[in-house]
Amino acid sequence: MNGGIARTGGDSIEKHFLEDAVLQLRKYKGLADGAVAQVADADLFRSVDAESNSIAIVMKHVAGNMKSRWTDFLTTDGEKPDRDRDTEFETEPGDTRASVAARWEEGWRLLFSAIEGLAPSDLSRTVAIRAEPHTVLQAIQRQLTHYAYHVGQVVFLARHFAGPRWRSLSIPKGRSKDFDVARNGQPYRTTVEETR
């Protein structure tokens, strides 16, 4: 079982695509979660300048996007009429680390539920995003790249705010030769551990 989708011999490329999409999305979520865990509450809501988004704003935007895109994914337009995208980019009085994290987790839950519920034959079906037709495969790819962009922002900002307290989420700078990393992002082994 890999991210909720079973892998068996002789699987189709469509099945492998769905498995890999879930795997990559879980890695993105893990990177963002690992970065956010290293940031103080105040830094979660801090931006580097007046025109930039805070980590909390990026998380709210991603969560709002996910709620809109993945709720009734196969049967309704991915841009829901009740989505208020502009408020995703505002810090509201009730926003706390816990409330932003709850929205974030709900968005990811909706995403994984939708993708893990797909059959390989669904990839050629047509869905709409803002009334624009996409195959399911195209819609997944569109969102995968969108989320990678925002996860990169979260990691960059978290690293900036954490400063010297930062713990690398992948291979630490200057230590590439110490690590062999599997496709799922986990180390096969580290040469540092082998020498102990």
N, C-alpha and C. Protein backbone atom coordinates (compact mmCIF):
# COMPACT_ATOMS: atom_id res chain seq x y z
N MET A 1 0.85 -1.18 0.00
CA MET A 1 0.00 0.00 0.00
C MET A 1 0.89 1.24 0.00
N ASN A 2 0.65 2.17 -0.89
CA ASN A 2 1.48 3.35 -1.01
C ASN A 2 0.60 4.57 -1.04
N GLY A 3 0.47 5.29 0.08
CA GLY A 3 -0.37 6.47 0.12
C GLY A 3 -1.84 6.16 -0.10
N GLY A 4 -2.29 4.94 0.23
CA GLY A 4 -3.70 4.61 0.11
C GLY A 4 -4.06 3.89 -1.18
N ILE A 5 -3.13 3.81 -2.13
CA ILE A 5 -3.42 3.14 -3.40
C ILE A 5 -2.53 1.91 -3.50
N ALA A 6 -3.14 0.74 -3.62
CA ALA A 6 -2.38 -0.51 -3.65
C ALA A 6 -1.61 -0.64 -4.96
N ARG A 7 -0.40 -1.15 -4.89
CA ARG A 7 0.41 -1.38 -6.09
C ARG A 7 0.53 -2.88 -6.30
N THR A 8 0.17 -3.34 -7.49
CA THR A 8 0.29 -4.75 -7.82
C THR A 8 1.01 -4.87 -9.15
N GLY A 9 1.51 -6.07 -9.45
CA GLY A 9 2.21 -6.30 -10.71
C GLY A 9 1.31 -6.05 -11.91
N GLY A 10 1.90 -5.56 -13.00
CA GLY A 10 1.15 -5.35 -14.23
C GLY A 10 0.23 -4.14 -14.21
N ASP A 11 0.44 -3.24 -13.28
CA ASP A 11 -0.41 -2.05 -13.20
C ASP A 11 -0.22 -1.16 -14.41
N SER A 12 -1.24 -0.39 -14.68
CA SER A 12 -1.20 0.53 -15.80
C SER A 12 -0.44 1.79 -15.44
N ILE A 13 -0.04 2.53 -16.47
CA ILE A 13 0.63 3.81 -16.25
C ILE A 13 -0.29 4.77 -15.51
N GLU A 14 -1.60 4.65 -15.75
CA GLU A 14 -2.55 5.50 -15.05
C GLU A 14 -2.53 5.24 -13.54
N LYS A 15 -2.47 3.98 -13.18
CA LYS A 15 -2.42 3.62 -11.75
C LYS A 15 -1.12 4.13 -11.14
N HIS A 16 -0.02 3.96 -11.85
CA HIS A 16 1.26 4.46 -11.36
C HIS A 16 1.25 5.98 -11.22
N PHE A 17 0.59 6.67 -12.16
CA PHE A 17 0.49 8.12 -12.05
C PHE A 17 -0.23 8.52 -10.77
N LEU A 18 -1.36 7.86 -10.48
CA LEU A 18 -2.11 8.19 -9.27
C LEU A 18 -1.28 7.91 -8.02
N GLU A 19 -0.58 6.78 -8.00
CA GLU A 19 0.27 6.46 -6.86
C GLU A 19 1.34 7.53 -6.66
N ASP A 20 1.98 7.91 -7.77
CA ASP A 20 3.06 8.88 -7.66
C ASP A 20 2.54 10.27 -7.30
N ALA A 21 1.38 10.64 -7.80
CA ALA A 21 0.80 11.93 -7.43
C ALA A 21 0.58 12.00 -5.93
N VAL A 22 0.02 10.94 -5.35
CA VAL A 22 -0.20 10.90 -3.90
C VAL A 22 1.14 10.94 -3.16
N LEU A 23 2.11 10.16 -3.63
CA LEU A 23 3.43 10.14 -3.00
C LEU A 23 4.06 11.53 -3.00
N GLN A 24 4.05 12.19 -4.15
CA GLN A 24 4.66 13.53 -4.24
C GLN A 24 3.92 14.54 -3.38
N LEU A 25 2.62 14.49 -3.40
CA LEU A 25 1.84 15.42 -2.58
C LEU A 25 2.08 15.19 -1.09
N ARG A 26 2.21 13.94 -0.68
CA ARG A 26 2.52 13.66 0.73
C ARG A 26 3.91 14.20 1.09
N LYS A 27 4.86 14.12 0.15
CA LYS A 27 6.18 14.68 0.40
C LYS A 27 6.10 16.20 0.54
N TYR A 28 5.32 16.86 -0.32
CA TYR A 28 5.17 18.32 -0.21
C TYR A 28 4.57 18.70 1.13
N LYS A 29 3.53 17.98 1.53
CA LYS A 29 2.90 18.27 2.82
C LYS A 29 3.91 18.07 3.95
N GLY A 30 4.68 17.00 3.89
CA GLY A 30 5.69 16.75 4.91
C GLY A 30 6.73 17.84 4.99
N LEU A 31 7.15 18.35 3.84
CA LEU A 31 8.12 19.45 3.83
C LEU A 31 7.53 20.69 4.50
N ALA A 32 6.31 21.04 4.11
CA ALA A 32 5.67 22.22 4.68
C ALA A 32 5.45 22.05 6.18
N ASP A 33 4.95 20.90 6.58
CA ASP A 33 4.71 20.64 8.01
C ASP A 33 6.02 20.70 8.80
N GLY A 34 7.08 20.13 8.24
CA GLY A 34 8.38 20.16 8.91
C GLY A 34 8.93 21.57 9.04
N ALA A 35 8.65 22.40 8.05
CA ALA A 35 9.10 23.79 8.09
C ALA A 35 8.30 24.59 9.10
N VAL A 36 6.99 24.45 9.07
CA VAL A 36 6.11 25.19 9.98
C VAL A 36 6.40 24.84 11.43
N ALA A 37 6.75 23.61 11.69
CA ALA A 37 7.04 23.17 13.06
C ALA A 37 8.25 23.90 13.64
N GLN A 38 9.10 24.46 12.79
CA GLN A 38 10.31 25.13 13.26
C GLN A 38 10.13 26.64 13.45
N VAL A 39 8.91 27.12 13.26
CA VAL A 39 8.65 28.55 13.30
C VAL A 39 7.82 28.91 14.53
N ALA A 40 8.22 29.98 15.21
CA ALA A 40 7.45 30.49 16.35
C ALA A 40 6.11 31.04 15.86
N ASP A 41 5.13 31.08 16.75
CA ASP A 41 3.80 31.58 16.38
C ASP A 41 3.85 32.96 15.75
N ALA A 42 4.62 33.86 16.33
CA ALA A 42 4.69 35.23 15.80
C ALA A 42 5.25 35.23 14.37
N ASP A 43 6.25 34.38 14.12
CA ASP A 43 6.85 34.33 12.78
C ASP A 43 5.92 33.70 11.75
N LEU A 44 4.99 32.89 12.19
CA LEU A 44 4.03 32.29 11.28
C LEU A 44 3.19 33.38 10.59
N PHE A 45 2.97 34.47 11.30
CA PHE A 45 2.13 35.56 10.78
C PHE A 45 2.94 36.76 10.30
N ARG A 46 4.25 36.64 10.30
CA ARG A 46 5.12 37.75 9.90
C ARG A 46 5.44 37.65 8.42
N SER A 47 5.48 38.78 7.74
CA SER A 47 5.91 38.80 6.34
C SER A 47 7.21 39.59 6.24
N VAL A 48 7.95 39.34 5.18
CA VAL A 48 9.24 40.00 5.03
C VAL A 48 9.12 41.45 4.58
N ASP A 49 7.99 41.80 3.97
CA ASP A 49 7.71 43.18 3.61
C ASP A 49 6.21 43.34 3.39
N ALA A 50 5.77 44.56 3.15
CA ALA A 50 4.33 44.86 3.07
C ALA A 50 3.63 44.14 1.91
N GLU A 51 4.34 43.79 0.88
CA GLU A 51 3.75 43.15 -0.30
C GLU A 51 3.85 41.63 -0.28
N SER A 52 4.53 41.09 0.71
CA SER A 52 4.74 39.64 0.77
C SER A 52 3.70 38.97 1.66
N ASN A 53 3.54 37.69 1.44
CA ASN A 53 2.62 36.88 2.25
C ASN A 53 3.38 36.22 3.39
N SER A 54 2.71 36.09 4.51
CA SER A 54 3.27 35.33 5.63
C SER A 54 3.06 33.84 5.36
N ILE A 55 3.70 33.01 6.18
CA ILE A 55 3.49 31.57 6.09
C ILE A 55 2.01 31.26 6.32
N ALA A 56 1.40 31.89 7.31
CA ALA A 56 -0.02 31.64 7.61
C ALA A 56 -0.90 31.99 6.42
N ILE A 57 -0.60 33.09 5.73
CA ILE A 57 -1.39 33.48 4.55
C ILE A 57 -1.24 32.44 3.45
N VAL A 58 -0.03 31.99 3.21
CA VAL A 58 0.19 30.95 2.18
C VAL A 58 -0.59 29.70 2.55
N MET A 59 -0.55 29.31 3.81
CA MET A 59 -1.29 28.12 4.25
C MET A 59 -2.79 28.30 4.07
N LYS A 60 -3.30 29.49 4.41
CA LYS A 60 -4.74 29.76 4.22
C LYS A 60 -5.11 29.69 2.75
N HIS A 61 -4.26 30.25 1.89
CA HIS A 61 -4.54 30.22 0.46
C HIS A 61 -4.55 28.78 -0.08
N VAL A 62 -3.54 28.01 0.28
CA VAL A 62 -3.48 26.62 -0.18
C VAL A 62 -4.71 25.86 0.33
N ALA A 63 -5.06 26.05 1.58
CA ALA A 63 -6.23 25.36 2.15
C ALA A 63 -7.51 25.76 1.44
N GLY A 64 -7.66 27.06 1.15
CA GLY A 64 -8.85 27.52 0.43
C GLY A 64 -8.91 26.96 -0.98
N ASN A 65 -7.76 26.91 -1.63
CA ASN A 65 -7.69 26.33 -2.97
C ASN A 65 -8.06 24.86 -2.93
N MET A 66 -7.51 24.13 -1.97
CA MET A 66 -7.80 22.70 -1.86
C MET A 66 -9.27 22.44 -1.58
N LYS A 67 -9.85 23.22 -0.68
CA LYS A 67 -11.26 23.03 -0.38
C LYS A 67 -12.10 23.23 -1.63
N SER A 68 -11.78 24.25 -2.40
CA SER A 68 -12.53 24.54 -3.61
C SER A 68 -12.30 23.48 -4.70
N ARG A 69 -11.05 23.12 -4.91
CA ARG A 69 -10.72 22.20 -6.00
C ARG A 69 -11.17 20.76 -5.74
N TRP A 70 -11.03 20.29 -4.50
CA TRP A 70 -11.18 18.86 -4.25
C TRP A 70 -12.52 18.47 -3.66
N THR A 71 -13.35 19.42 -3.26
CA THR A 71 -14.70 19.10 -2.81
C THR A 71 -15.53 18.76 -4.05
N ASP A 72 -16.15 17.60 -4.06
CA ASP A 72 -16.94 17.14 -5.22
C ASP A 72 -16.15 17.30 -6.52
N PHE A 73 -14.91 16.85 -6.48
CA PHE A 73 -13.93 17.04 -7.55
C PHE A 73 -14.44 16.64 -8.93
N LEU A 74 -15.05 15.48 -9.03
CA LEU A 74 -15.45 14.97 -10.35
C LEU A 74 -16.77 15.56 -10.85
N THR A 75 -17.52 16.20 -9.97
CA THR A 75 -18.90 16.57 -10.36
C THR A 75 -19.19 18.06 -10.34
N THR A 76 -18.30 18.89 -9.78
CA THR A 76 -18.55 20.34 -9.75
C THR A 76 -17.31 21.09 -10.20
N ASP A 77 -17.50 22.32 -10.63
CA ASP A 77 -16.38 23.16 -11.03
C ASP A 77 -15.43 23.33 -9.84
N GLY A 78 -14.15 23.30 -10.11
CA GLY A 78 -13.13 23.41 -9.06
C GLY A 78 -13.05 24.78 -8.43
N GLU A 79 -13.68 25.77 -9.02
CA GLU A 79 -13.74 27.09 -8.38
C GLU A 79 -15.16 27.26 -7.87
N LYS A 80 -15.34 26.96 -6.58
CA LYS A 80 -16.68 26.96 -6.00
C LYS A 80 -17.20 28.38 -5.82
N PRO A 81 -18.51 28.57 -5.99
CA PRO A 81 -19.09 29.93 -5.88
C PRO A 81 -18.98 30.53 -4.49
N ASP A 82 -18.83 29.69 -3.46
CA ASP A 82 -18.73 30.24 -2.10
C ASP A 82 -17.29 30.51 -1.67
N ARG A 83 -16.33 30.28 -2.54
CA ARG A 83 -14.93 30.57 -2.20
C ARG A 83 -14.71 32.09 -2.23
N ASP A 84 -14.12 32.61 -1.20
CA ASP A 84 -13.76 34.02 -1.15
C ASP A 84 -12.23 34.10 -1.15
N ARG A 85 -11.65 33.96 -2.34
CA ARG A 85 -10.20 33.86 -2.49
C ARG A 85 -9.46 35.04 -1.87
N ASP A 86 -10.02 36.23 -2.01
CA ASP A 86 -9.32 37.42 -1.50
C ASP A 86 -9.09 37.35 0.00
N THR A 87 -10.02 36.78 0.75
CA THR A 87 -9.84 36.69 2.21
C THR A 87 -8.75 35.69 2.60
N GLU A 88 -8.39 34.81 1.68
CA GLU A 88 -7.30 33.88 1.95
C GLU A 88 -5.99 34.64 2.13
N PHE A 89 -5.91 35.84 1.58
CA PHE A 89 -4.69 36.65 1.62
C PHE A 89 -4.77 37.76 2.67
N GLU A 90 -5.66 37.58 3.65
CA GLU A 90 -5.82 38.55 4.73
C GLU A 90 -5.67 37.83 6.06
N THR A 91 -5.00 38.50 6.99
CA THR A 91 -4.95 37.98 8.35
C THR A 91 -6.18 38.52 9.06
N GLU A 92 -7.00 37.60 9.54
CA GLU A 92 -8.25 37.98 10.19
C GLU A 92 -8.09 37.91 11.71
N PRO A 93 -8.90 38.65 12.46
CA PRO A 93 -8.75 38.69 13.93
C PRO A 93 -8.75 37.31 14.59
N GLY A 94 -9.51 36.36 14.09
CA GLY A 94 -9.58 35.03 14.70
C GLY A 94 -8.51 34.07 14.26
N ASP A 95 -7.60 34.51 13.40
CA ASP A 95 -6.55 33.61 12.92
C ASP A 95 -5.53 33.33 14.01
N THR A 96 -5.33 32.06 14.27
CA THR A 96 -4.32 31.61 15.22
C THR A 96 -3.55 30.48 14.55
N ARG A 97 -2.48 30.08 15.15
CA ARG A 97 -1.73 28.93 14.62
C ARG A 97 -2.66 27.72 14.51
N ALA A 98 -3.46 27.49 15.55
CA ALA A 98 -4.36 26.33 15.56
C ALA A 98 -5.43 26.43 14.48
N SER A 99 -6.01 27.61 14.29
CA SER A 99 -7.09 27.74 13.30
C SER A 99 -6.55 27.61 11.88
N VAL A 100 -5.37 28.17 11.64
CA VAL A 100 -4.76 28.05 10.31
C VAL A 100 -4.38 26.58 10.06
N ALA A 101 -3.80 25.93 11.07
CA ALA A 101 -3.42 24.51 10.94
C ALA A 101 -4.65 23.64 10.69
N ALA A 102 -5.77 23.95 11.31
CA ALA A 102 -6.99 23.16 11.10
C ALA A 102 -7.48 23.30 9.66
N ARG A 103 -7.46 24.49 9.12
CA ARG A 103 -7.85 24.70 7.71
C ARG A 103 -6.91 23.95 6.78
N TRP A 104 -5.62 24.07 7.07
CA TRP A 104 -4.57 23.40 6.29
C TRP A 104 -4.80 21.88 6.27
N GLU A 105 -5.01 21.29 7.42
CA GLU A 105 -5.22 19.84 7.51
C GLU A 105 -6.48 19.42 6.78
N GLU A 106 -7.54 20.21 6.89
CA GLU A 106 -8.79 19.89 6.19
C GLU A 106 -8.59 19.93 4.67
N GLY A 107 -7.84 20.90 4.19
CA GLY A 107 -7.56 20.96 2.75
C GLY A 107 -6.83 19.73 2.26
N TRP A 108 -5.80 19.33 2.98
CA TRP A 108 -5.06 18.13 2.59
C TRP A 108 -5.92 16.88 2.70
N ARG A 109 -6.78 16.82 3.72
CA ARG A 109 -7.68 15.66 3.86
C ARG A 109 -8.58 15.55 2.63
N LEU A 110 -9.13 16.67 2.19
CA LEU A 110 -10.00 16.68 1.01
C LEU A 110 -9.22 16.24 -0.23
N LEU A 111 -8.01 16.75 -0.38
CA LEU A 111 -7.18 16.39 -1.54
C LEU A 111 -6.92 14.89 -1.57
N PHE A 112 -6.41 14.34 -0.47
CA PHE A 112 -6.07 12.91 -0.47
C PHE A 112 -7.30 12.04 -0.62
N SER A 113 -8.39 12.43 -0.02
CA SER A 113 -9.63 11.68 -0.17
C SER A 113 -10.08 11.64 -1.63
N ALA A 114 -9.98 12.78 -2.29
CA ALA A 114 -10.41 12.84 -3.70
C ALA A 114 -9.49 12.01 -4.60
N ILE A 115 -8.19 12.18 -4.46
CA ILE A 115 -7.27 11.47 -5.36
C ILE A 115 -7.24 9.98 -5.06
N GLU A 116 -7.23 9.62 -3.79
CA GLU A 116 -7.20 8.19 -3.45
C GLU A 116 -8.50 7.49 -3.82
N GLY A 117 -9.56 8.25 -4.04
CA GLY A 117 -10.83 7.67 -4.46
C GLY A 117 -10.97 7.49 -5.96
N LEU A 118 -9.96 7.94 -6.70
CA LEU A 118 -10.01 7.84 -8.16
C LEU A 118 -9.59 6.46 -8.65
N ALA A 119 -10.19 6.05 -9.74
CA ALA A 119 -9.76 4.84 -10.45
C ALA A 119 -8.89 5.29 -11.62
N PRO A 120 -7.98 4.42 -12.09
CA PRO A 120 -7.16 4.80 -13.23
C PRO A 120 -7.98 5.29 -14.43
N SER A 121 -9.14 4.72 -14.64
CA SER A 121 -9.97 5.13 -15.78
C SER A 121 -10.52 6.55 -15.61
N ASP A 122 -10.49 7.10 -14.40
CA ASP A 122 -10.97 8.46 -14.18
C ASP A 122 -10.05 9.52 -14.77
N LEU A 123 -8.79 9.18 -15.02
CA LEU A 123 -7.83 10.18 -15.46
C LEU A 123 -8.20 10.84 -16.78
N SER A 124 -8.95 10.16 -17.62
CA SER A 124 -9.34 10.75 -18.90
C SER A 124 -10.69 11.47 -18.83
N ARG A 125 -11.35 11.42 -17.69
CA ARG A 125 -12.60 12.16 -17.53
C ARG A 125 -12.33 13.67 -17.57
N THR A 126 -13.36 14.44 -17.82
CA THR A 126 -13.23 15.89 -17.88
C THR A 126 -13.83 16.53 -16.65
N VAL A 127 -13.06 17.44 -16.05
CA VAL A 127 -13.54 18.27 -14.94
C VAL A 127 -13.31 19.72 -15.34
N ALA A 128 -13.95 20.63 -14.62
CA ALA A 128 -13.80 22.05 -14.92
C ALA A 128 -13.13 22.76 -13.75
N ILE A 129 -12.28 23.71 -14.10
CA ILE A 129 -11.71 24.65 -13.13
C ILE A 129 -11.93 26.03 -13.73
N ARG A 130 -12.76 26.83 -13.04
CA ARG A 130 -13.16 28.15 -13.55
C ARG A 130 -13.74 28.04 -14.96
N ALA A 131 -14.58 27.04 -15.13
CA ALA A 131 -15.29 26.75 -16.38
C ALA A 131 -14.38 26.29 -17.51
N GLU A 132 -13.11 26.11 -17.24
CA GLU A 132 -12.16 25.62 -18.25
C GLU A 132 -12.04 24.11 -18.13
N PRO A 133 -12.27 23.37 -19.23
CA PRO A 133 -12.20 21.90 -19.14
C PRO A 133 -10.75 21.41 -18.99
N HIS A 134 -10.59 20.42 -18.15
CA HIS A 134 -9.32 19.74 -17.92
C HIS A 134 -9.62 18.24 -17.84
N THR A 135 -8.69 17.42 -18.32
CA THR A 135 -8.80 16.01 -17.94
C THR A 135 -8.47 15.94 -16.46
N VAL A 136 -8.87 14.87 -15.81
CA VAL A 136 -8.53 14.69 -14.41
C VAL A 136 -7.02 14.70 -14.24
N LEU A 137 -6.30 14.06 -15.17
CA LEU A 137 -4.85 14.06 -15.11
C LEU A 137 -4.32 15.49 -15.16
N GLN A 138 -4.82 16.32 -16.06
CA GLN A 138 -4.38 17.71 -16.15
C GLN A 138 -4.70 18.49 -14.87
N ALA A 139 -5.86 18.25 -14.32
CA ALA A 139 -6.26 18.95 -13.09
C ALA A 139 -5.34 18.58 -11.93
N ILE A 140 -4.98 17.31 -11.82
CA ILE A 140 -4.06 16.88 -10.76
C ILE A 140 -2.70 17.54 -10.97
N GLN A 141 -2.20 17.50 -12.20
CA GLN A 141 -0.91 18.11 -12.50
C GLN A 141 -0.91 19.60 -12.20
N ARG A 142 -1.98 20.28 -12.57
CA ARG A 142 -2.11 21.72 -12.33
C ARG A 142 -1.98 22.01 -10.84
N GLN A 143 -2.68 21.22 -10.02
CA GLN A 143 -2.66 21.46 -8.59
C GLN A 143 -1.33 21.03 -7.97
N LEU A 144 -0.76 19.94 -8.45
CA LEU A 144 0.52 19.48 -7.93
C LEU A 144 1.58 20.55 -8.10
N THR A 145 1.64 21.19 -9.26
CA THR A 145 2.64 22.24 -9.48
C THR A 145 2.31 23.49 -8.67
N HIS A 146 1.04 23.80 -8.54
CA HIS A 146 0.63 24.96 -7.73
C HIS A 146 1.04 24.77 -6.27
N TYR A 147 0.80 23.60 -5.73
CA TYR A 147 1.14 23.34 -4.33
C TYR A 147 2.65 23.29 -4.12
N ALA A 148 3.39 22.76 -5.08
CA ALA A 148 4.86 22.74 -4.97
C ALA A 148 5.40 24.17 -4.87
N TYR A 149 4.85 25.07 -5.66
CA TYR A 149 5.24 26.48 -5.63
C TYR A 149 5.03 27.06 -4.24
N HIS A 150 3.87 26.84 -3.66
CA HIS A 150 3.57 27.42 -2.35
C HIS A 150 4.31 26.72 -1.22
N VAL A 151 4.52 25.42 -1.31
CA VAL A 151 5.32 24.73 -0.30
C VAL A 151 6.74 25.30 -0.31
N GLY A 152 7.27 25.58 -1.48
CA GLY A 152 8.59 26.21 -1.56
C GLY A 152 8.62 27.54 -0.83
N GLN A 153 7.55 28.32 -0.97
CA GLN A 153 7.48 29.60 -0.25
C GLN A 153 7.48 29.38 1.26
N VAL A 154 6.69 28.42 1.72
CA VAL A 154 6.60 28.13 3.15
C VAL A 154 7.98 27.73 3.68
N VAL A 155 8.66 26.84 2.99
CA VAL A 155 9.97 26.38 3.44
C VAL A 155 10.97 27.53 3.44
N PHE A 156 10.96 28.34 2.40
CA PHE A 156 11.89 29.46 2.32
C PHE A 156 11.68 30.43 3.49
N LEU A 157 10.43 30.80 3.73
CA LEU A 157 10.14 31.74 4.82
C LEU A 157 10.46 31.12 6.18
N ALA A 158 10.10 29.87 6.38
CA ALA A 158 10.39 29.21 7.66
C ALA A 158 11.89 29.15 7.92
N ARG A 159 12.63 28.84 6.89
CA ARG A 159 14.09 28.79 7.05
C ARG A 159 14.64 30.16 7.41
N HIS A 160 14.13 31.19 6.76
CA HIS A 160 14.55 32.56 7.05
C HIS A 160 14.27 32.92 8.51
N PHE A 161 13.04 32.65 8.98
CA PHE A 161 12.66 33.02 10.33
C PHE A 161 13.32 32.14 11.40
N ALA A 162 13.57 30.89 11.09
CA ALA A 162 14.20 30.00 12.06
C ALA A 162 15.67 30.34 12.26
N GLY A 163 16.29 30.87 11.24
CA GLY A 163 17.70 31.25 11.34
C GLY A 163 18.58 30.08 11.70
N PRO A 164 19.48 30.27 12.67
CA PRO A 164 20.42 29.19 13.01
C PRO A 164 19.76 27.98 13.68
N ARG A 165 18.51 28.12 14.09
CA ARG A 165 17.79 26.98 14.69
C ARG A 165 17.29 26.00 13.62
N TRP A 166 17.37 26.38 12.34
CA TRP A 166 16.82 25.58 11.25
C TRP A 166 17.43 24.19 11.21
N ARG A 167 16.57 23.19 11.08
CA ARG A 167 16.98 21.81 10.86
C ARG A 167 16.59 21.45 9.43
N SER A 168 17.53 20.99 8.67
CA SER A 168 17.29 20.69 7.26
C SER A 168 16.16 19.66 7.10
N LEU A 169 15.36 19.87 6.08
CA LEU A 169 14.26 18.96 5.76
C LEU A 169 14.67 17.92 4.72
N SER A 170 15.85 18.10 4.19
CA SER A 170 16.34 17.14 3.20
C SER A 170 17.82 16.89 3.51
N ILE A 171 18.65 16.96 2.52
CA ILE A 171 20.08 16.73 2.73
C ILE A 171 20.70 18.05 3.19
N PRO A 172 21.31 18.06 4.37
CA PRO A 172 21.91 19.31 4.86
C PRO A 172 23.01 19.82 3.93
N LYS A 173 23.12 21.13 3.89
CA LYS A 173 24.14 21.79 3.07
C LYS A 173 25.52 21.22 3.38
N GLY A 174 26.25 20.86 2.31
CA GLY A 174 27.59 20.33 2.48
C GLY A 174 27.67 18.87 2.86
N ARG A 175 26.51 18.17 2.88
CA ARG A 175 26.51 16.77 3.31
C ARG A 175 25.95 15.83 2.25
N SER A 176 25.94 16.23 1.01
CA SER A 176 25.35 15.42 -0.07
C SER A 176 25.94 14.02 -0.13
N LYS A 177 27.23 13.90 0.06
CA LYS A 177 27.88 12.59 -0.07
C LYS A 177 27.55 11.66 1.10
N ASP A 178 26.97 12.22 2.16
CA ASP A 178 26.61 11.40 3.32
C ASP A 178 25.27 10.70 3.16
N PHE A 179 24.51 11.05 2.12
CA PHE A 179 23.13 10.57 2.03
C PHE A 179 22.85 9.91 0.69
N ASP A 180 22.13 8.79 0.76
CA ASP A 180 21.47 8.19 -0.40
C ASP A 180 19.99 8.30 -0.09
N VAL A 181 19.22 8.90 -0.99
CA VAL A 181 17.80 9.15 -0.72
C VAL A 181 16.94 8.37 -1.70
N ALA A 182 15.93 7.70 -1.16
CA ALA A 182 14.98 6.94 -1.97
C ALA A 182 14.00 7.88 -2.66
N ARG A 183 13.27 7.36 -3.60
CA ARG A 183 12.27 8.14 -4.34
C ARG A 183 11.23 8.76 -3.41
N ASN A 184 10.94 8.12 -2.29
CA ASN A 184 9.94 8.65 -1.36
C ASN A 184 10.52 9.70 -0.43
N GLY A 185 11.81 10.05 -0.61
CA GLY A 185 12.43 11.09 0.19
C GLY A 185 13.11 10.59 1.45
N GLN A 186 12.93 9.32 1.79
CA GLN A 186 13.55 8.75 2.98
C GLN A 186 14.94 8.24 2.64
N PRO A 187 15.88 8.39 3.58
CA PRO A 187 17.23 7.87 3.30
C PRO A 187 17.24 6.35 3.18
N TYR A 188 17.95 5.85 2.16
CA TYR A 188 18.22 4.42 2.11
C TYR A 188 19.16 4.11 3.27
N ARG A 189 20.16 4.94 3.37
CA ARG A 189 21.17 4.82 4.41
C ARG A 189 21.94 6.14 4.42
N THR A 190 22.67 6.37 5.46
CA THR A 190 23.62 7.48 5.45
C THR A 190 24.99 6.92 5.74
N THR A 191 25.98 7.42 5.06
CA THR A 191 27.33 6.93 5.29
C THR A 191 27.80 7.31 6.68
N VAL A 192 27.27 8.39 7.26
CA VAL A 192 27.62 8.78 8.61
C VAL A 192 27.19 7.69 9.59
N GLU A 193 25.97 7.18 9.44
CA GLU A 193 25.48 6.12 10.33
C GLU A 193 26.25 4.84 10.14
N GLU A 194 26.66 4.54 8.91
CA GLU A 194 27.36 3.30 8.64
C GLU A 194 28.73 3.25 9.32
N THR A 195 29.32 4.42 9.55
CA THR A 195 30.65 4.42 10.13
C THR A 195 30.64 4.35 11.64
N ARG A 196 29.45 4.44 12.25
CA ARG A 196 29.35 4.36 13.72
C ARG A 196 29.41 2.95 14.23
